Amino acid sequence: SDYNLDCMPPHGYIHVLSLTDNIAEFRNAVNKQKISGNIDTPEGGFDAMLQAAVCQRHIGWRKEAKRLLLVMTDQTSHLALDSKLAGIVIPHD
């Protein structure tokens, strides 16, 4: 790369902040984030959504809350079962 960036190592998902009404805390958490060296971003976003959906205590979903997650991207995703080419054969539970 021609860019000198301070990137985080590749990762699937890192919990940074639970749901909060504190906008200043949210802004601060967002501003502290660094991009990662992940080269497979379409799937990374979906993995993060999966974790946000199933890790209720960490995220802070209220029991009665309706959960809506929205992804906006200009990236295309891989086809279903492409992961088998990389040897990833155990699906999420």
Protein backbone atom coordinates (compact mmCIF):
# COMPACT_ATOMS: atom_id res chain seq x y z
CA SER A 1 0.00 0.00 0.00
CA ASP A 2 1.10 3.56 -0.67
CA TYR A 3 -0.59 4.71 2.53
CA ASN A 4 1.06 4.86 5.93
CA LEU A 5 -1.91 3.88 8.10
CA ASP A 6 -2.04 2.75 11.71
CA CYS A 7 -4.43 -0.18 11.22
CA MET A 8 -5.76 -2.70 13.70
CA PRO A 9 -4.92 -6.32 12.92
CA PRO A 10 -7.61 -8.27 11.01
CA HIS A 11 -10.46 -9.45 13.22
CA GLY A 12 -13.97 -10.75 12.89
CA TYR A 13 -15.72 -8.73 15.57
CA ILE A 14 -14.77 -6.55 18.53
CA HIS A 15 -17.40 -5.26 20.95
CA VAL A 16 -16.68 -1.58 21.58
CA LEU A 17 -19.77 -0.05 23.20
CA SER A 18 -23.13 -1.32 24.37
CA LEU A 19 -26.29 0.53 23.34
CA THR A 20 -26.43 3.86 25.13
CA ASP A 21 -28.37 7.13 25.25
CA ASN A 22 -25.10 8.99 25.92
CA ILE A 23 -24.30 10.61 22.57
CA ALA A 24 -20.96 12.00 23.78
CA GLU A 25 -19.86 8.51 24.83
CA PHE A 26 -20.95 7.14 21.44
CA ARG A 27 -19.09 9.88 19.54
CA ASN A 28 -15.98 9.30 21.63
CA ALA A 29 -16.07 5.54 20.95
CA VAL A 30 -16.51 6.11 17.20
CA ASN A 31 -13.69 8.65 17.06
CA LYS A 32 -11.28 6.23 18.77
CA GLN A 33 -11.81 3.50 16.16
CA LYS A 34 -9.15 2.56 13.64
CA ILE A 35 -9.65 0.75 10.38
CA SER A 36 -8.50 -2.85 10.30
CA GLY A 37 -6.34 -4.67 7.84
CA ASN A 38 -9.26 -6.97 7.02
CA ILE A 39 -9.39 -7.59 3.28
CA ASP A 40 -12.77 -9.32 3.34
CA THR A 41 -15.03 -6.47 4.45
CA PRO A 42 -18.37 -7.63 3.02
CA GLU A 43 -18.43 -10.71 5.24
CA GLY A 44 -16.92 -8.85 8.19
CA GLY A 45 -19.96 -6.60 8.34
CA PHE A 46 -22.34 -9.54 8.30
CA ASP A 47 -20.35 -11.33 11.02
CA ALA A 48 -20.62 -8.21 13.18
CA MET A 49 -24.39 -8.09 12.57
CA LEU A 50 -24.70 -11.74 13.58
CA GLN A 51 -22.80 -11.08 16.81
CA ALA A 52 -24.94 -8.01 17.55
CA ALA A 53 -28.09 -10.09 17.06
CA VAL A 54 -27.10 -12.99 19.32
CA CYS A 55 -24.97 -11.36 22.05
CA GLN A 56 -27.91 -9.70 23.79
CA ARG A 57 -26.23 -8.97 27.15
CA HIS A 58 -23.11 -7.44 25.61
CA ILE A 59 -25.03 -5.26 23.18
CA GLY A 60 -27.65 -4.19 25.71
CA TRP A 61 -30.84 -4.99 23.83
CA ARG A 62 -33.93 -4.46 25.99
CA LYS A 63 -35.98 -7.63 26.34
CA GLU A 64 -39.02 -6.06 24.67
CA ALA A 65 -37.08 -4.22 21.94
CA LYS A 66 -37.51 -4.89 18.24
CA ARG A 67 -34.06 -5.31 16.71
CA LEU A 68 -33.25 -3.70 13.40
CA LEU A 69 -29.75 -3.70 11.95
CA LEU A 70 -28.98 -1.90 8.71
CA VAL A 71 -25.93 -2.34 6.49
CA MET A 72 -25.15 0.19 3.79
CA THR A 73 -22.22 -0.60 1.55
CA ASP A 74 -20.96 -0.33 -1.98
CA GLN A 75 -19.22 -3.72 -1.70
CA THR A 76 -20.65 -6.91 -3.12
CA SER A 77 -20.80 -10.03 -0.99
CA HIS A 78 -19.48 -13.45 -1.90
CA LEU A 79 -21.80 -16.19 -3.05
CA ALA A 80 -23.23 -18.65 -0.56
CA LEU A 81 -20.80 -21.45 0.35
CA ASP A 82 -17.75 -19.58 -1.06
CA SER A 83 -16.14 -20.04 2.35
CA LYS A 84 -15.66 -23.74 1.57
CA LEU A 85 -12.95 -22.68 -0.87
CA ALA A 86 -11.04 -21.23 2.10
CA GLY A 87 -11.64 -24.31 4.26
CA ILE A 88 -14.25 -22.62 6.44
CA VAL A 89 -16.83 -25.36 6.68
CA ILE A 90 -18.37 -25.07 10.17
CA PRO A 91 -21.37 -22.69 10.01
CA HIS A 92 -22.47 -20.35 12.82
CA ASP A 93 -24.83 -21.94 15.31
